[in-house]
Protein backbone atom coordinates (compact mmCIF):
# COMPACT_ATOMS: atom_id res chain seq x y z
CA MET A 1 0.00 0.00 0.00
CA THR A 2 1.15 3.51 -0.71
CA SER A 3 1.71 5.95 2.12
CA ILE A 4 -0.40 9.04 2.67
CA LYS A 5 2.54 11.16 1.48
CA GLU A 6 2.89 9.20 -1.75
CA GLN A 7 -0.85 9.37 -2.37
CA ALA A 8 -0.74 13.14 -1.94
CA ALA A 9 2.15 13.41 -4.42
CA ILE A 10 0.30 11.27 -6.97
CA SER A 11 -2.79 13.39 -6.45
CA ARG A 12 -0.77 16.56 -7.15
CA LEU A 13 0.63 14.98 -10.33
CA MET A 14 -2.81 13.97 -11.58
CA SER A 15 -4.14 17.43 -10.79
CA PHE A 16 -1.26 19.02 -12.72
CA LEU A 17 -1.78 16.78 -15.73
CA GLN A 18 -5.53 17.45 -15.71
CA GLU A 19 -4.84 21.18 -15.58
CA TRP A 20 -2.62 20.79 -18.69
CA ASP A 21 -5.17 18.66 -20.52
CA LYS A 22 -8.02 21.13 -19.92
CA ALA A 23 -6.03 24.32 -20.58
CA GLY A 24 -6.09 26.24 -23.84
CA SER A 25 -3.07 27.81 -25.54
CA ALA A 26 -2.88 30.73 -23.09
CA GLY A 27 -3.21 28.45 -20.08
CA ARG A 28 -0.56 26.06 -21.38
CA LYS A 29 1.77 28.95 -22.04
CA SER A 30 1.43 29.96 -18.39
CA ILE A 31 2.08 26.37 -17.24
CA LEU A 32 5.22 26.18 -19.41
CA GLU A 33 6.54 29.48 -18.02
CA ARG A 34 6.06 28.20 -14.50
CA PHE A 35 7.65 24.84 -15.34
CA ILE A 36 10.74 26.50 -16.90
CA LYS A 37 11.16 28.84 -13.93
CA LEU A 38 10.96 26.05 -11.32
CA ASN A 39 12.78 23.20 -13.07
CA SER A 40 15.62 24.60 -15.22
CA GLY A 41 18.88 22.76 -14.54
CA LYS A 42 17.34 19.88 -12.58
CA THR A 43 18.69 16.35 -12.88
CA GLY A 44 16.64 13.33 -13.89
CA PRO A 45 16.07 12.11 -10.30
CA GLU A 46 15.04 15.62 -9.24
CA LEU A 47 12.47 15.82 -12.04
CA GLU A 48 11.11 12.42 -11.07
CA GLN A 49 10.80 13.55 -7.49
CA GLU A 50 9.02 16.72 -8.61
CA PHE A 51 6.54 14.69 -10.68
CA SER A 52 6.17 11.77 -8.26
CA GLN A 53 7.98 9.38 -10.64
CA GLY A 54 5.69 10.44 -13.47
CA ALA A 55 7.81 13.01 -15.33
CA SER A 56 7.54 10.94 -18.52
CA LEU A 57 3.77 11.55 -18.53
CA PHE A 58 4.34 15.30 -18.81
CA LEU A 59 7.11 14.87 -21.40
CA MET A 60 4.72 12.76 -23.50
CA ARG A 61 2.17 15.58 -23.41
CA LEU A 62 4.81 18.12 -24.42
CA THR A 63 6.02 16.08 -27.40
CA THR A 64 2.43 15.39 -28.52
CA TRP A 65 1.55 19.09 -28.39
CA LEU A 66 4.78 19.90 -30.26
CA ARG A 67 3.88 17.58 -33.12
CA LEU A 68 0.35 19.01 -33.30
CA THR A 69 1.21 22.70 -33.17
CA TYR A 70 4.78 23.25 -34.45
CA MET A 71 3.56 24.39 -37.88
CA ASN A 72 1.64 27.37 -36.48
CA GLY A 73 4.33 28.22 -33.89
CA SER A 74 2.04 28.55 -30.82
CA CYS A 75 4.45 29.46 -27.93
CA LEU A 76 6.95 27.21 -29.66
CA ASP A 77 10.01 28.67 -27.96
CA LYS A 78 8.68 27.87 -24.46
CA LEU A 79 7.58 24.43 -25.54
CA LEU A 80 11.06 23.63 -26.90
CA LYS A 81 12.75 25.04 -23.78
CA SER A 82 10.54 22.82 -21.62
CA ILE A 83 11.47 19.74 -23.64
CA GLY A 84 15.11 20.84 -23.34
CA ILE A 85 14.86 20.62 -19.53
CA PHE A 86 14.11 16.90 -19.91
CA LEU A 87 16.71 16.21 -22.61
CA SER A 88 19.47 17.98 -20.68
CA ALA A 89 18.63 16.32 -17.36
CA VAL A 90 21.67 14.54 -15.93
CA SER A 91 21.42 10.82 -15.11
CA CYS A 92 18.29 10.17 -17.15
CA ASN A 93 18.81 9.05 -20.76
CA ARG A 94 15.28 7.64 -20.72
CA TYR A 95 13.77 11.02 -21.58
CA LEU A 96 15.90 11.28 -24.71
CA VAL A 97 14.89 7.80 -25.87
CA GLU A 98 11.19 8.57 -25.28
CA PHE A 99 11.49 11.81 -27.26
CA LEU A 100 13.19 10.13 -30.21
CA GLU A 101 10.80 7.18 -30.28
CA VAL A 102 7.88 9.49 -31.14
CA GLY A 103 9.82 11.19 -33.99
CA GLY A 104 11.14 14.13 -32.01
CA ALA A 105 14.30 14.50 -34.07
CA LEU A 106 12.40 14.61 -37.35
CA THR A 107 10.05 17.26 -35.94
CA LEU A 108 13.00 19.44 -34.94
CA LEU A 109 14.53 19.15 -38.42
CA GLU A 110 11.19 20.05 -40.01
CA ILE A 111 10.97 23.16 -37.82
CA LEU A 112 14.25 24.41 -39.32
CA GLY A 113 12.71 24.45 -42.80
CA LEU A 114 9.48 26.32 -42.01
CA GLU A 115 9.43 29.94 -43.17
CA GLN A 116 6.69 31.00 -40.73
CA ILE A 117 8.83 30.13 -37.70
CA ASN A 118 11.28 32.81 -36.58
CA ASP A 119 15.01 32.33 -36.05
CA GLU A 120 14.77 32.54 -32.27
CA GLU A 121 12.45 29.53 -32.17
CA LYS A 122 14.61 27.69 -34.67
CA LYS A 123 17.59 28.35 -32.43
CA GLU A 124 15.79 26.47 -29.64
CA ALA A 125 15.35 23.54 -32.05
CA ILE A 126 19.08 23.65 -32.82
CA LEU A 127 19.84 23.57 -29.08
CA LEU A 128 17.74 20.41 -28.72
CA LEU A 129 19.53 18.82 -31.67
CA LYS A 130 22.85 19.65 -29.96
CA MET A 131 21.63 17.89 -26.81
CA ILE A 132 20.79 14.83 -28.93
CA THR A 133 24.14 14.70 -30.77
CA GLY A 134 25.98 15.24 -27.49
CA CYS A 135 24.70 11.87 -26.25
CA GLY A 136 26.86 9.76 -28.55
CA ARG A 137 27.66 8.42 -31.98
CA LYS A 138 24.41 6.53 -32.61
CA TYR A 139 22.41 9.73 -32.08
CA LYS A 140 24.64 11.64 -34.51
CA GLU A 141 24.05 8.90 -37.06
CA LEU A 142 20.30 9.13 -36.45
CA ILE A 143 20.34 12.86 -37.25
CA CYS A 144 22.38 12.30 -40.42
CA GLU A 145 20.15 9.41 -41.56
CA SER A 146 17.16 11.72 -41.21
CA TYR A 147 18.66 14.13 -43.81
CA GLY A 148 19.70 16.31 -40.91
CA VAL A 149 22.85 17.71 -42.50
CA ARG A 150 20.87 19.10 -45.42
CA SER A 151 18.21 20.69 -43.18
CA ILE A 152 20.80 22.21 -40.86
CA ALA A 153 22.92 23.53 -43.75
CA GLU A 154 19.89 25.10 -45.47
CA PHE A 155 18.93 26.87 -42.25
CA MET A 156 22.51 28.08 -41.83
CA ALA A 157 22.50 29.51 -45.35
CA THR A 158 19.27 31.48 -44.87
CA SER A 159 19.36 32.57 -41.21
CA ARG A 160 20.19 36.19 -40.36
CA SER A 161 20.47 35.63 -36.61
CA GLU A 162 24.09 35.53 -35.48
CA PRO A 163 23.33 33.73 -32.17
CA ALA A 164 21.40 31.07 -34.12
CA LEU A 165 24.22 30.72 -36.65
CA GLU A 166 26.78 30.23 -33.90
CA GLU A 167 24.65 27.43 -32.43
CA VAL A 168 24.40 25.84 -35.88
CA GLN A 169 28.19 25.98 -36.23
CA SER A 170 28.53 24.22 -32.89
CA LEU A 171 26.04 21.56 -34.04
CA MET A 172 27.91 20.95 -37.32
CA ASP A 173 31.15 20.71 -35.40
CA SER A 174 29.56 18.11 -33.13
CA LEU A 175 28.32 16.10 -36.13
CA VAL A 176 31.75 15.95 -37.77
CA HIS A 177 33.48 14.69 -34.60
CA GLY A 178 33.12 11.05 -33.59
CA ASN A 179 30.89 10.28 -36.58
CA PRO A 180 33.05 8.32 -39.07
CA LYS A 181 30.06 6.93 -40.97
CA TYR A 182 28.72 10.36 -41.94
CA GLN A 183 31.64 12.75 -41.47
CA HIS A 184 32.07 13.06 -45.25
CA GLN A 185 28.41 14.06 -45.55
CA VAL A 186 28.94 16.86 -43.03
CA TYR A 187 32.16 17.87 -44.82
CA LYS A 188 30.35 18.17 -48.18
CA GLY A 189 27.54 20.12 -46.52
CA LEU A 190 30.05 22.67 -45.24
CA ILE A 191 31.60 23.01 -48.73
CA ALA A 192 28.12 23.63 -50.17
CA LEU A 193 27.67 26.54 -47.73
CA MET A 194 30.70 28.45 -49.02
CA PRO A 195 28.90 30.30 -51.86
CA CYS A 196 25.83 31.24 -49.75
CA ASN A 197 24.75 34.89 -49.45
CA SER A 198 25.21 35.21 -45.69
CA PRO A 199 28.70 36.49 -44.76
CA LYS A 200 28.36 35.20 -41.19
CA ALA A 201 27.35 31.76 -42.43
CA GLN A 202 30.30 31.77 -44.84
CA GLN A 203 32.69 32.70 -42.07
CA LEU A 204 31.43 30.02 -39.68
CA ALA A 205 31.29 27.37 -42.42
CA LEU A 206 34.92 28.08 -43.37
CA GLN A 207 35.99 27.89 -39.71
CA THR A 208 34.25 24.54 -39.25
CA LEU A 209 35.53 23.29 -42.60
CA ARG A 210 39.12 23.68 -41.39
CA VAL A 211 38.32 21.34 -38.49
CA ALA A 212 36.39 18.94 -40.72
CA GLN A 213 39.23 18.83 -43.27
CA SER A 214 41.71 17.68 -40.61
CA ILE A 215 39.31 14.88 -39.63
CA VAL A 216 38.30 13.74 -43.13
CA GLY A 217 41.80 13.90 -44.60
CA ALA A 218 41.14 13.50 -48.34
CA VAL A 219 40.33 16.81 -50.05
CA HIS A 220 37.20 17.10 -52.18
CA PRO A 221 38.21 18.56 -55.59
CA THR A 222 35.31 21.06 -55.74
CA ILE A 223 36.69 22.93 -52.75
CA VAL A 224 39.15 24.82 -55.00
CA GLU A 225 36.43 26.46 -57.07
CA PHE A 226 34.39 27.40 -53.99
CA LEU A 227 37.45 28.80 -52.21
CA MET A 228 38.34 30.98 -55.18
CA GLY A 229 34.75 32.23 -55.27
CA SER A 230 34.75 33.10 -51.56
CA LEU A 231 37.59 35.57 -52.19
CA ARG A 232 35.11 37.88 -53.97
CA THR A 233 33.61 38.91 -50.66
CA MET A 234 33.63 42.45 -49.31
CA HIS A 235 33.82 41.06 -45.78
CA LEU A 236 37.36 40.78 -44.47
CA GLU A 237 36.43 38.18 -41.86
CA VAL A 238 35.28 35.81 -44.62
CA GLN A 239 38.39 36.53 -46.68
CA TYR A 240 40.58 35.83 -43.65
CA GLU A 241 38.98 32.41 -43.05
CA ALA A 242 39.26 31.53 -46.75
CA ILE A 243 42.98 32.35 -46.80
CA GLU A 244 43.53 30.39 -43.57
CA LEU A 245 41.88 27.36 -45.18
CA ILE A 246 44.05 27.80 -48.30
CA LYS A 247 47.12 27.79 -46.04
CA ASP A 248 45.92 24.52 -44.50
CA LEU A 249 45.37 22.94 -47.91
CA ILE A 250 48.61 24.09 -49.53
CA ASN A 251 50.43 20.91 -48.50
CA THR A 252 47.75 18.56 -49.83
CA GLU A 253 47.19 16.97 -53.24
CA ILE A 254 45.34 20.07 -54.54
CA ARG A 255 48.33 22.38 -53.98
CA ALA A 256 49.03 22.97 -57.69
CA ASN A 257 45.35 23.67 -58.42
CA LEU A 258 45.14 26.16 -55.56
CA LEU A 259 48.26 28.04 -56.63
CA GLN A 260 47.25 28.13 -60.29
CA GLY A 261 43.77 29.29 -59.30
CA LEU A 262 45.18 32.19 -57.29
CA VAL A 263 47.55 33.21 -60.09
CA ASP A 264 44.68 33.16 -62.62
CA LEU A 265 42.59 35.44 -60.41
CA LEU A 266 45.23 38.16 -60.75
CA LYS A 267 44.35 38.50 -64.41
CA PRO A 268 40.54 38.24 -64.76
CA SER A 269 39.18 37.12 -68.09
CA ALA A 270 36.75 39.27 -70.10
CA LYS A 271 34.04 36.72 -69.22
CA ASP A 272 34.61 37.22 -65.48
CA ILE A 273 34.50 40.99 -65.76
CA SER A 274 31.24 40.96 -67.74
CA LYS A 275 29.35 38.71 -65.32
CA PHE A 276 26.15 39.84 -63.61
CA GLN A 277 26.49 42.91 -61.45
CA PRO A 278 25.40 42.47 -57.79
CA LYS A 279 22.00 43.98 -56.93
CA ILE A 280 23.44 46.28 -54.28
CA LEU A 281 25.37 48.04 -57.05
CA GLU A 282 22.09 48.74 -58.88
CA ASP A 283 20.46 50.41 -55.85
CA PRO A 284 20.20 54.17 -56.57
CA SER A 285 20.38 54.92 -52.83
CA VAL A 286 23.84 53.32 -52.62
CA PHE A 287 26.96 55.18 -53.69
CA GLN A 288 27.80 53.79 -57.12
CA VAL A 289 31.07 51.94 -57.52
CA SER A 290 32.59 49.89 -60.31
CA ALA A 291 30.35 47.11 -61.60
CA HIS A 292 33.43 44.93 -61.63
CA LEU A 293 34.07 45.34 -57.90
CA PRO A 294 33.60 41.65 -56.93
CA VAL A 295 36.19 40.61 -59.52
CA PHE A 296 38.62 43.30 -58.36
CA LEU A 297 38.10 42.31 -54.71
CA GLN A 298 38.94 38.76 -55.74
CA GLN A 299 42.03 39.99 -57.58
CA ALA A 300 43.23 41.88 -54.49
CA ALA A 301 42.56 38.91 -52.19
CA ALA A 302 44.50 36.62 -54.53
CA ALA A 303 47.49 38.99 -54.46
CA LYS A 304 47.33 39.03 -50.66
CA ALA A 305 47.06 35.23 -50.42
CA ILE A 306 49.96 34.69 -52.81
CA GLY A 307 52.12 37.02 -50.74
CA ILE A 308 51.29 35.14 -47.55
CA LEU A 309 51.96 31.74 -49.11
CA ALA A 310 55.21 32.81 -50.81
CA ARG A 311 56.62 34.34 -47.62
CA GLY A 312 55.72 31.18 -45.73
CA SER A 313 57.53 28.74 -48.04
CA MET A 314 60.40 29.17 -50.49
CA ALA A 315 59.25 26.03 -52.32
CA VAL A 316 55.82 27.59 -52.89
CA ALA A 317 57.42 30.85 -54.07
CA GLU A 318 59.55 28.98 -56.61
CA GLU A 319 56.56 26.99 -57.81
CA LEU A 320 54.60 30.21 -58.33
CA LEU A 321 57.38 31.60 -60.54
CA TYR A 322 56.79 28.78 -63.02
CA MET A 323 53.07 29.67 -63.09
CA ARG A 324 53.81 33.18 -64.44
CA VAL A 325 52.84 34.85 -61.18
CA ILE A 326 55.14 37.82 -61.88
CA ASN A 327 53.41 38.65 -65.15
CA ASN A 328 49.99 38.55 -63.47
CA LEU A 329 51.06 40.51 -60.38
CA ILE A 330 52.34 43.32 -62.61
CA TYR A 331 49.04 43.22 -64.53
CA ALA A 332 47.14 43.64 -61.23
CA MET A 333 49.42 46.56 -60.31
CA GLY A 334 48.21 48.36 -63.42
CA ASN A 335 44.51 48.08 -62.53
CA GLN A 336 43.72 51.69 -61.66
CA ASP A 337 40.08 50.83 -60.95
CA HIS A 338 41.02 49.18 -57.64
CA SER A 339 43.78 50.83 -55.62
CA ASN A 340 43.85 48.23 -52.83
CA GLY A 341 44.50 45.51 -55.40
CA GLN A 342 47.35 47.59 -56.81
CA ARG A 343 48.83 48.01 -53.34
CA LEU A 344 48.63 44.33 -52.40
CA ALA A 345 50.01 43.16 -55.75
CA SER A 346 52.88 45.66 -55.41
CA LEU A 347 53.80 44.40 -51.93
CA THR A 348 53.76 40.78 -53.09
CA LEU A 349 55.88 41.60 -56.15
CA GLU A 350 58.34 43.40 -53.88
CA TYR A 351 58.95 40.14 -52.00
CA PHE A 352 59.68 38.26 -55.22
CA VAL A 353 62.01 41.01 -56.46
CA GLN A 354 63.94 41.01 -53.17
CA THR A 355 64.14 37.21 -53.08
CA PHE A 356 64.97 36.23 -56.68
CA PRO A 357 67.66 38.14 -58.65
CA VAL A 358 66.25 36.91 -61.97
CA VAL A 359 62.89 38.50 -61.08
CA GLU A 360 64.56 41.77 -60.13
CA GLU A 361 66.44 41.84 -63.44
CA HIS A 362 63.35 41.28 -65.60
CA VAL A 363 61.07 43.57 -63.59
CA HIS A 364 63.65 46.35 -63.83
CA LYS A 365 63.80 45.86 -67.57
CA ALA A 366 59.99 45.89 -67.92
CA PHE A 367 59.43 48.89 -65.65
CA GLY A 368 62.24 51.12 -66.86
CA ASP A 369 64.56 53.04 -64.56
CA THR A 370 62.10 55.70 -63.36
CA LEU A 371 59.18 53.40 -62.47
CA PHE A 372 61.47 50.74 -60.99
CA SER A 373 63.11 53.36 -58.79
CA LEU A 374 59.69 54.47 -57.52
CA PHE A 375 58.77 50.83 -56.91
CA MET A 376 61.91 50.03 -54.93
CA SER A 377 61.68 53.19 -52.84
CA ASN A 378 58.08 52.60 -51.71
CA ALA A 379 56.23 49.65 -53.21
CA GLU A 380 53.15 50.15 -51.04
CA GLU A 381 52.47 53.66 -52.36
CA LEU A 382 53.55 53.13 -55.95
CA TYR A 383 49.93 53.26 -57.16
CA ILE A 384 49.65 56.85 -55.85
CA ASN A 385 52.65 58.07 -57.84
CA MET A 386 51.89 56.15 -61.04
CA ASP A 387 50.33 57.84 -64.08
CA SER A 388 48.01 56.23 -66.65
CA ILE A 389 50.80 55.63 -69.18
CA GLN A 390 52.86 53.73 -66.62
CA ALA A 391 49.75 51.76 -65.64
CA ASP A 392 49.25 50.78 -69.30
CA ILE A 393 52.86 49.61 -69.44
CA LEU A 394 52.23 47.34 -66.46
CA VAL A 395 48.99 45.92 -67.87
CA SER A 396 50.61 45.11 -71.22
CA ASN A 397 53.81 43.62 -69.78
CA LYS A 398 55.22 40.50 -71.45
CA ILE A 399 57.50 39.24 -68.68
CA ASN A 400 58.10 35.49 -68.94
CA ILE A 401 60.00 34.31 -65.87
CA PRO A 402 59.51 30.57 -66.59
CA GLU A 403 61.30 31.04 -69.90
CA ALA A 404 64.09 32.99 -68.20
CA LEU A 405 64.45 30.28 -65.56
CA GLY A 406 64.62 27.69 -68.32
CA VAL A 407 67.47 29.55 -70.03
CA ILE A 408 69.33 29.87 -66.73
CA SER A 409 68.82 26.18 -66.03
CA SER A 410 70.14 25.31 -69.49
CA LYS A 411 73.21 27.51 -69.01
CA ILE A 412 73.89 25.93 -65.64
CA SER A 413 73.66 22.45 -67.16
CA MET A 414 76.07 23.37 -69.99
CA SER A 415 78.45 24.94 -67.48
CA MET A 416 78.41 21.80 -65.34
CA TRP A 417 79.11 19.65 -68.43
CA ASP A 418 82.07 21.86 -69.40
CA GLU A 419 83.48 21.59 -65.90
CA TRP A 420 83.10 17.81 -66.05
CA GLU A 421 85.02 17.77 -69.32
CA ASP A 422 87.82 19.80 -67.69
CA PHE A 423 88.06 17.40 -64.79
CA LYS A 424 88.29 14.21 -66.87
CA SER A 425 91.38 12.19 -66.16
CA GLU A 426 93.92 11.31 -68.88
CA GLU A 427 92.82 7.65 -68.72
CA GLU A 428 89.19 8.65 -69.47
CA MET A 429 90.36 10.78 -72.39
CA ASP A 430 92.45 7.89 -73.75
CA GLU A 431 89.46 5.53 -73.45
CA GLU A 432 87.29 7.91 -75.48
CA GLU A 433 89.80 8.22 -78.36
CA PRO A 434 89.39 4.61 -79.72
CA ALA A 435 85.61 4.99 -79.47
CA LYS A 436 85.79 8.11 -81.65
CA LYS A 437 88.01 6.34 -84.21
CA ASP A 438 85.58 3.39 -84.45
CA VAL A 439 82.72 5.67 -85.46
CA PRO A 440 82.16 5.18 -89.25
CA GLN A 441 82.62 8.24 -91.40
CA VAL A 442 79.67 9.32 -93.51
């Protein structure tokens, strides 16, 4: 038989559940507010004590109401926070299992895709998904098997709430760790986010991609194209993360593609320059700038990235020389439509001139004494002191360092052969004489 105290507790539970069952939306909202205030941070045993070992009965009602009302968003944020109290309760995994058994994870993922639900409520859904993935590998796999990566990535691409985006980044980071079966799926989802229109989402995706890349190992080939595209941004924080990722990838199998891609960006094609102009540049209320600004921003970022990579590795600098980087840097220096690109290209060229005598020789020849003197005295401010004729000279330069390096290499080889001939012993010379005599005369 139950004690009088236990009977009273059960009576309170039944009264509470009846109150919930009879209440309308306003009444339930008040119950949820009270529940959140009194029970936040409680452990599983504490919740059971509060509900007289019947906490699961209230959780069942919450999940049922969630599935019935999530599409119209009736006090959805408080409902999700209340469910979160159960899922985050220490020492009680049973609540999580009960929530998942009734399709709780799928409901949360569906919430992320509904336009009528605001970002604050979607953030609460993300927090619940983080609680689920934090419980182990099998729960991460469950999310991924439910097309979770796609739903999460789509929300990340469209959300304008920075707090929500930071929670999404944390969730994606959780999914890529300790999830070998689906880590490649998460990795590809992050790559797909790189061209999205949200600068914050781009920044966070690039940050997480650096972590994912170290876990996955093999580099997906499409990442080069997306990385080059991300350099068109006007947002320096996105550009910084893109260059950091390029630095991470420079010692992988896509090194040559990355370097060649950066060199090509220094000299945009006519097709690139004539591409569609961003809508912000068509807004009459916005100060009008060059329609080619995204391409020029990309050109400047490429010059900056090349300078960073070359200064970090002599091997990379030498490899860039054979890709005609000098010719394209000088071309970028002549682009008077974008002064920052001129400045960055000039600083990068300065490093190559100071490091490689053959580059200094050919740049001096292409610039002429006056312009080269200005360049050597202050490379960073050369664009200020340069006139349009000098800019045209830079744009039309024909410097071919790979060819010059080939000539030098050939001369060195011939010189080494001549030295070898001088060092031959008399016995070797005597051995060669009969061989020459045996050669038939034509």
